C-alpha atoms as a PDB file:
ATOM      1  CA  MET A   1      67.055 -15.030 -42.273  1.00  0.00           C
ATOM      2  CA  ILE A   2      64.458 -13.218 -44.171  1.00  0.00           C
ATOM      3  CA  SER A   3      61.965 -15.574 -43.471  1.00  0.00           C
ATOM      4  CA  ASN A   4      62.976 -15.148 -39.739  1.00  0.00           C
ATOM      5  CA  ASN A   5      62.296 -11.253 -39.994  1.00  0.00           C
ATOM      6  CA  ILE A   6      58.885 -11.841 -41.721  1.00  0.00           C
ATOM      7  CA  GLU A   7      57.893 -14.291 -38.850  1.00  0.00           C
ATOM      8  CA  ARG A   8      58.931 -11.871 -36.367  1.00  0.00           C
ATOM      9  CA  LEU A   9      56.905  -8.863 -38.298  1.00  0.00           C
ATOM     10  CA  LEU A  10      54.078 -11.153 -38.428  1.00  0.00           C
ATOM     11  CA  PHE A  11      54.117 -12.079 -34.662  1.00  0.00           C
ATOM     12  CA  LEU A  12      54.558  -8.365 -33.840  1.00  0.00           C
ATOM     13  CA  ALA A  13      51.595  -7.390 -35.930  1.00  0.00           C
ATOM     14  CA  TYR A  14      49.198 -10.187 -34.572  1.00  0.00           C
ATOM     15  CA  THR A  15      50.413  -9.258 -30.955  1.00  0.00           C
ATOM     16  CA  MET A  16      49.723  -5.643 -31.508  1.00  0.00           C
ATOM     17  CA  SER A  17      46.299  -6.309 -32.842  1.00  0.00           C
ATOM     18  CA  ILE A  18      45.448  -8.548 -29.859  1.00  0.00           C
ATOM     19  CA  LEU A  19      46.519  -5.664 -27.599  1.00  0.00           C
ATOM     20  CA  SER A  20      44.610  -3.069 -29.415  1.00  0.00           C
ATOM     21  CA  SER A  21      41.259  -4.926 -29.012  1.00  0.00           C
ATOM     22  CA  CYS A  22      41.990  -5.442 -25.287  1.00  0.00           C
ATOM     23  CA  CYS A  23      39.386  -3.486 -23.112  1.00  0.00           C
ATOM     24  CA  THR A  24      40.022  -2.142 -19.827  1.00  0.00           C
ATOM     25  CA  THR A  25      37.251  -1.147 -17.209  1.00  0.00           C
ATOM     26  CA  LYS A  26      37.048   2.753 -16.185  1.00  0.00           C
ATOM     27  CA  GLU A  27      34.721   4.152 -13.680  1.00  0.00           C
ATOM     28  CA  GLU A  28      33.321   7.724 -13.367  1.00  0.00           C
ATOM     29  CA  TYR A  29      31.646   9.093 -10.230  1.00  0.00           C
ATOM     30  CA  TYR A  30      28.771  10.958  -8.867  1.00  0.00           C
ATOM     31  CA  LYS A  31      29.830  14.155  -7.261  1.00  0.00           C
ATOM     32  CA  THR A  32      28.069  16.509  -4.768  1.00  0.00           C
ATOM     33  CA  GLY A  33      29.806  19.901  -5.095  1.00  0.00           C
ATOM     34  CA  SER A  34      33.557  19.110  -5.044  1.00  0.00           C
ATOM     35  CA  LEU A  35      33.261  15.982  -2.870  1.00  0.00           C
ATOM     36  CA  ASP A  36      33.710  12.747  -4.819  1.00  0.00           C
ATOM     37  CA  THR A  37      30.885  10.342  -3.180  1.00  0.00           C
ATOM     38  CA  ARG A  38      32.366   7.453  -4.742  1.00  0.00           C
ATOM     39  CA  MET A  39      29.130   6.289  -6.251  1.00  0.00           C
ATOM     40  CA  VAL A  40      29.706   4.802  -9.481  1.00  0.00           C
ATOM     41  CA  LYS A  41      27.760   6.915 -12.375  1.00  0.00           C
ATOM     42  CA  PHE A  42      29.373   5.131 -15.259  1.00  0.00           C
ATOM     43  CA  LYS A  43      31.301   1.990 -15.707  1.00  0.00           C
ATOM     44  CA  TYR A  44      32.533   1.330 -19.299  1.00  0.00           C
ATOM     45  CA  ASP A  45      35.508  -0.637 -21.205  1.00  0.00           C
ATOM     46  CA  ILE A  46      37.817   1.352 -23.298  1.00  0.00           C
ATOM     47  CA  ASP A  47      40.452  -0.037 -25.680  1.00  0.00           C
ATOM     48  CA  LEU A  48      44.183   1.216 -25.966  1.00  0.00           C
ATOM     49  CA  ASN A  49      42.990   4.307 -27.861  1.00  0.00           C
ATOM     50  CA  GLY A  50      40.671   5.353 -25.245  1.00  0.00           C
ATOM     51  CA  LYS A  51      37.383   4.372 -27.422  1.00  0.00           C
ATOM     52  CA  LYS A  52      34.855   2.540 -25.664  1.00  0.00           C
ATOM     53  CA  CYS A  53      34.406  -1.138 -26.370  1.00  0.00           C
ATOM     54  CA  GLY A  54      32.384  -4.031 -24.479  1.00  0.00           C
ATOM     55  CA  ASP A  55      30.053  -2.943 -21.806  1.00  0.00           C
ATOM     56  CA  PHE A  56      28.750   0.356 -21.026  1.00  0.00           C
ATOM     57  CA  VAL A  57      26.549   0.852 -17.650  1.00  0.00           C
ATOM     58  CA  TRP A  58      25.046   4.023 -16.343  1.00  0.00           C
ATOM     59  CA  LEU A  59      23.949   4.070 -12.601  1.00  0.00           C
ATOM     60  CA  SER A  60      21.532   6.154 -10.693  1.00  0.00           C
ATOM     61  CA  ARG A  61      22.433   7.390  -7.328  1.00  0.00           C
ATOM     62  CA  SER A  62      20.562   4.879  -5.603  1.00  0.00           C
ATOM     63  CA  GLY A  63      22.403   1.940  -7.632  1.00  0.00           C
ATOM     64  CA  VAL A  64      19.636   1.217 -10.269  1.00  0.00           C
ATOM     65  CA  THR A  65      21.156   0.550 -13.519  1.00  0.00           C
ATOM     66  CA  LEU A  66      19.486   3.125 -16.039  1.00  0.00           C
ATOM     67  CA  GLN A  67      21.586   1.816 -19.087  1.00  0.00           C
ATOM     68  CA  HIS A  68      23.611  -1.463 -19.972  1.00  0.00           C
ATOM     69  CA  SER A  69      24.780  -1.008 -23.854  1.00  0.00           C
ATOM     70  CA  LYS A  70      27.375  -2.695 -25.932  1.00  0.00           C
ATOM     71  CA  PHE A  71      30.129  -0.639 -27.800  1.00  0.00           C
ATOM     72  CA  ARG A  72      32.527  -1.171 -30.523  1.00  0.00           C
ATOM     73  CA  ASN A  73      34.817   1.239 -31.577  1.00  0.00           C
ATOM     74  CA  ASP A  74      33.442   3.972 -29.533  1.00  0.00           C
ATOM     75  CA  LYS A  75      29.895   3.315 -31.095  1.00  0.00           C
ATOM     76  CA  LEU A  76      26.719   1.501 -29.938  1.00  0.00           C
ATOM     77  CA  HIS A  77      27.112  -2.040 -31.452  1.00  0.00           C
ATOM     78  CA  GLY A  78      24.661  -4.754 -30.033  1.00  0.00           C
ATOM     79  CA  THR A  79      21.783  -4.923 -27.641  1.00  0.00           C
ATOM     80  CA  SER A  80      21.324  -1.718 -25.706  1.00  0.00           C
ATOM     81  CA  ARG A  81      18.830  -1.704 -22.815  1.00  0.00           C
ATOM     82  CA  TYR A  82      17.359   1.375 -20.988  1.00  0.00           C
ATOM     83  CA  TYR A  83      15.610   1.162 -17.519  1.00  0.00           C
ATOM     84  CA  PHE A  84      12.987   3.152 -15.551  1.00  0.00           C
ATOM     85  CA  GLU A  85      14.160   4.459 -12.238  1.00  0.00           C
ATOM     86  CA  ASN A  86      12.213   1.635 -10.643  1.00  0.00           C
ATOM     87  CA  GLY A  87      14.360  -0.828 -12.515  1.00  0.00           C
ATOM     88  CA  ALA A  88      11.710  -1.756 -15.161  1.00  0.00           C
ATOM     89  CA  LEU A  89      13.015  -2.103 -18.721  1.00  0.00           C
ATOM     90  CA  GLN A  90      12.146   0.778 -20.807  1.00  0.00           C
ATOM     91  CA  LEU A  91      13.539   0.082 -24.113  1.00  0.00           C
ATOM     92  CA  GLU A  92      15.577  -2.708 -25.633  1.00  0.00           C
ATOM     93  CA  ALA A  93      17.032  -2.149 -28.972  1.00  0.00           C
ATOM     94  CA  GLU A  94      19.545  -3.776 -31.390  1.00  0.00           C
ATOM     95  CA  CYS A  95      22.193  -1.267 -32.490  1.00  0.00           C
ATOM     96  CA  LYS A  96      24.940  -1.068 -35.373  1.00  0.00           C
ATOM     97  CA  ASP A  97      27.563   1.446 -35.607  1.00  0.00           C
ATOM     98  CA  ASP A  98      25.483   3.916 -33.392  1.00  0.00           C
ATOM     99  CA  LYS A  99      22.223   3.369 -35.551  1.00  0.00           C
ATOM    100  CA  LEU A 100      19.267   1.376 -34.908  1.00  0.00           C
ATOM    101  CA  HIS A 101      19.371  -1.891 -36.424  1.00  0.00           C
ATOM    102  CA  GLY A 102      17.105  -4.735 -35.938  1.00  0.00           C
ATOM    103  CA  ARG A 103      14.030  -5.093 -33.566  1.00  0.00           C
ATOM    104  CA  THR A 104      13.351  -2.600 -30.706  1.00  0.00           C
ATOM    105  CA  THR A 105      11.050  -3.076 -28.024  1.00  0.00           C
ATOM    106  CA  GLU A 106       9.553  -0.124 -25.790  1.00  0.00           C
ATOM    107  CA  TYR A 107       7.661  -0.829 -22.423  1.00  0.00           C
ATOM    108  CA  TYR A 108       5.495   1.108 -20.118  1.00  0.00           C
ATOM    109  CA  LYS A 109       6.603   1.641 -16.462  1.00  0.00           C
ATOM    110  CA  ASN A 110       4.082  -1.157 -15.688  1.00  0.00           C
ATOM    111  CA  LYS A 111       6.122  -3.499 -17.838  1.00  0.00           C
ATOM    112  CA  GLN A 112       3.468  -3.710 -20.608  1.00  0.00           C
ATOM    113  CA  ILE A 113       4.973  -3.773 -23.965  1.00  0.00           C
ATOM    114  CA  GLN A 114       4.356  -0.424 -26.049  1.00  0.00           C
ATOM    115  CA  THR A 115       5.827  -0.814 -29.484  1.00  0.00           C
ATOM    116  CA  GLN A 116       7.906  -3.469 -31.354  1.00  0.00           C
ATOM    117  CA  CYS A 117       9.565  -2.228 -34.460  1.00  0.00           C
ATOM    118  CA  ILE A 118      12.081  -3.209 -36.748  1.00  0.00           C
ATOM    119  CA  TYR A 119      14.930  -0.795 -38.107  1.00  0.00           C
ATOM    120  CA  ASN A 120      17.500  -0.861 -40.641  1.00  0.00           C
ATOM    121  CA  GLU A 121      20.315   1.681 -39.788  1.00  0.00           C
ATOM    122  CA  ASN A 122      18.002   3.956 -38.246  1.00  0.00           C
ATOM    123  CA  ARG A 123      15.118   3.828 -40.957  1.00  0.00           C
ATOM    124  CA  LEU A 124      11.891   2.537 -39.419  1.00  0.00           C
ATOM    125  CA  LEU A 125      10.918  -0.266 -41.690  1.00  0.00           C
ATOM    126  CA  LYS A 126       8.089  -2.282 -39.643  1.00  0.00           C
ATOM    127  CA  ILE A 127       5.756  -2.004 -36.773  1.00  0.00           C
ATOM    128  CA  ILE A 128       5.350  -5.316 -35.395  1.00  0.00           C
ATOM    129  CA  SER A 129       2.845  -4.277 -32.635  1.00  0.00           C
ATOM    130  CA  LEU A 130       1.551  -1.482 -30.539  1.00  0.00           C
ATOM    131  CA  TYR A 131      -0.356  -1.520 -27.338  1.00  0.00           C
ATOM    132  CA  ASP A 132      -1.759   0.692 -24.832  1.00  0.00           C
ATOM    133  CA  SER A 133      -0.771   0.908 -21.201  1.00  0.00           C
ATOM    134  CA  THR A 134      -3.344  -1.847 -20.369  1.00  0.00           C
ATOM    135  CA  GLY A 135      -2.463  -4.342 -23.283  1.00  0.00           C
ATOM    136  CA  ASN A 136      -5.146  -3.490 -25.749  1.00  0.00           C
ATOM    137  CA  PRO A 137      -3.690  -3.361 -29.306  1.00  0.00           C
ATOM    138  CA  LEU A 138      -3.699  -0.275 -31.169  1.00  0.00           C
ATOM    139  CA  ASN A 139      -4.184   0.547 -34.904  1.00  0.00           C
ATOM    140  CA  TYR A 140      -0.438   1.870 -36.024  1.00  0.00           C
ATOM    141  CA  GLY A 141      -1.103   2.662 -39.464  1.00  0.00           C
ATOM    142  CA  THR A 142      -0.196   1.022 -42.977  1.00  0.00           C
ATOM    143  CA  LEU A 143       3.623   1.074 -42.590  1.00  0.00           C
ATOM    144  CA  LYS A 144       5.019  -1.513 -44.962  1.00  0.00           C
ATOM    145  CA  ASP A 145       8.756  -1.752 -45.894  1.00  0.00           C
ATOM    146  CA  GLY A 146       9.346   1.870 -44.669  1.00  0.00           C
ATOM    147  CA  ASN A 147       6.421   3.406 -46.606  1.00  0.00           C
ATOM    148  CA  GLY A 148       2.719   4.454 -45.406  1.00  0.00           C
ATOM    149  CA  ILE A 149       0.794   6.166 -42.679  1.00  0.00           C
ATOM    150  CA  VAL A 150       1.662   5.966 -39.052  1.00  0.00           C
ATOM    151  CA  VAL A 151      -0.287   6.594 -36.092  1.00  0.00           C
ATOM    152  CA  ASN A 152       1.048   7.144 -32.450  1.00  0.00           C
ATOM    153  CA  TYR A 153      -0.989   7.254 -29.145  1.00  0.00           C
ATOM    154  CA  TYR A 154      -0.637   8.487 -25.552  1.00  0.00           C
ATOM    155  CA  PRO A 155      -0.427   5.697 -22.784  1.00  0.00           C
ATOM    156  CA  ASP A 156      -4.222   5.641 -22.399  1.00  0.00           C
ATOM    157  CA  GLY A 157      -4.827   5.063 -26.067  1.00  0.00           C
ATOM    158  CA  THR A 158      -5.624   8.638 -27.193  1.00  0.00           C
ATOM    159  CA  LEU A 159      -4.330   9.784 -30.550  1.00  0.00           C
ATOM    160  CA  ARG A 160      -1.027  11.887 -29.835  1.00  0.00           C
ATOM    161  CA  GLU A 161       0.259  12.245 -33.767  1.00  0.00           C
ATOM    162  CA  LYS A 162      -0.081  10.697 -37.342  1.00  0.00           C
ATOM    163  CA  GLY A 163       1.631  11.297 -40.402  1.00  0.00           C
ATOM    164  CA  GLY A 164       3.589   9.677 -43.422  1.00  0.00           C
ATOM    165  CA  PHE A 165       6.774   7.535 -43.608  1.00  0.00           C
ATOM    166  CA  LYS A 166       8.784   7.131 -46.926  1.00  0.00           C
ATOM    167  CA  ASN A 167      11.761   5.157 -47.159  1.00  0.00           C
ATOM    168  CA  GLY A 168      11.900   4.615 -43.197  1.00  0.00           C
ATOM    169  CA  TYR A 169      11.953   8.341 -42.571  1.00  0.00           C
ATOM    170  CA  ARG A 170       9.116  11.021 -41.611  1.00  0.00           C
ATOM    171  CA  HIS A 171       7.829  12.301 -44.839  1.00  0.00           C
ATOM    172  CA  GLY A 172       5.025  14.907 -45.461  1.00  0.00           C
ATOM    173  CA  TRP A 173       2.523  16.408 -43.075  1.00  0.00           C
ATOM    174  CA  TRP A 174       2.714  15.146 -39.377  1.00  0.00           C
ATOM    175  CA  TYR A 175       0.096  16.138 -37.073  1.00  0.00           C
ATOM    176  CA  SER A 176       0.467  16.284 -33.226  1.00  0.00           C
ATOM    177  CA  TYR A 177      -2.729  16.405 -30.861  1.00  0.00           C
ATOM    178  CA  THR A 178      -3.492  17.136 -26.945  1.00  0.00           C
ATOM    179  CA  ASN A 179      -4.539  14.433 -24.823  1.00  0.00           C
ATOM    180  CA  THR A 180      -7.881  15.857 -25.088  1.00  0.00           C
ATOM    181  CA  GLY A 181      -8.184  15.488 -28.895  1.00  0.00           C
ATOM    182  CA  TYR A 182      -7.392  19.022 -30.135  1.00  0.00           C
ATOM    183  CA  LEU A 183      -4.850  19.452 -33.013  1.00  0.00           C
ATOM    184  CA  MET A 184      -1.596  21.089 -31.271  1.00  0.00           C
ATOM    185  CA  ASP A 185       0.927  21.334 -33.961  1.00  0.00           C
ATOM    186  CA  SER A 186       1.768  20.235 -37.720  1.00  0.00           C
ATOM    187  CA  VAL A 187       5.009  19.971 -39.396  1.00  0.00           C
ATOM    188  CA  ARG A 188       5.731  19.020 -42.942  1.00  0.00           C
ATOM    189  CA  TYR A 189       8.814  16.657 -43.250  1.00  0.00           C
ATOM    190  CA  GLU A 190      11.227  16.116 -46.386  1.00  0.00           C
ATOM    191  CA  ASN A 191      12.691  12.893 -46.457  1.00  0.00           C
ATOM    192  CA  GLY A 192      12.881  12.762 -42.538  1.00  0.00           C
ATOM    193  CA  PHE A 193      14.108  16.406 -42.281  1.00  0.00           C
ATOM    194  CA  ARG A 194      11.936  18.907 -40.500  1.00  0.00           C
ATOM    195  CA  PRO A 195      12.337  22.660 -41.007  1.00  0.00           C
ATOM    196  CA  GLY A 196      15.701  23.930 -39.403  1.00  0.00           C
ATOM    197  CA  SER A 197      16.893  20.270 -38.857  1.00  0.00           C
ATOM    198  CA  ASP A 198      20.178  18.579 -40.190  1.00  0.00           C
ATOM    199  CA  VAL A 199      19.263  15.260 -38.787  1.00  0.00           C
ATOM    200  CA  PRO A 200      16.594  12.806 -40.323  1.00  0.00           C
ATOM    201  CA  ASP A 201      14.069  11.867 -37.963  1.00  0.00           C
ATOM    202  CA  SER A 202      12.899   8.180 -38.138  1.00  0.00           C
ATOM    203  CA  HIS A 203      11.528   7.701 -34.797  1.00  0.00           C
ATOM    204  CA  TYR A 204       8.176   6.228 -34.399  1.00  0.00           C
END
């Protein structure tokens, strides 16, 4: 009798775990004023707790996919892809629990690769390559294992900003320039935090 009850409880627990992991698809639509145009804006999967799971798709009014991501327990988990309005791939990023984790590849509108980087839970560890919009390789600095100096550019290869990294986060003085070469701004980071910010910046 006791063993039968245990078997029932185990079966019930197993059934509930299966059900709680099931995803159903939900859609949200673009609206013009109070009129529902029935044009899909977001299409995503949710579990029984109302949390995003599985695929998430964001569409433009013209039907072009702007984002296609994977979610787990309401957090980005897996590969996320973001697109320009013309449908060209803009960014492909590996994510883990809402954080960049793994390889990210960013593109120009002409489909040329801009940057390829490696992240570890939002910390920038390595820059694999950097190009201008015509495919010419650019000097990205001395970053190694999240430490060093990093250089960034405008699409035409003109210096945009440069500064230090420490343990995968911006650290020390960062200098920003206009596309004509003039110093535009300078900010001092402390372990990823800039003055007045409560979120560390690891963005390349």
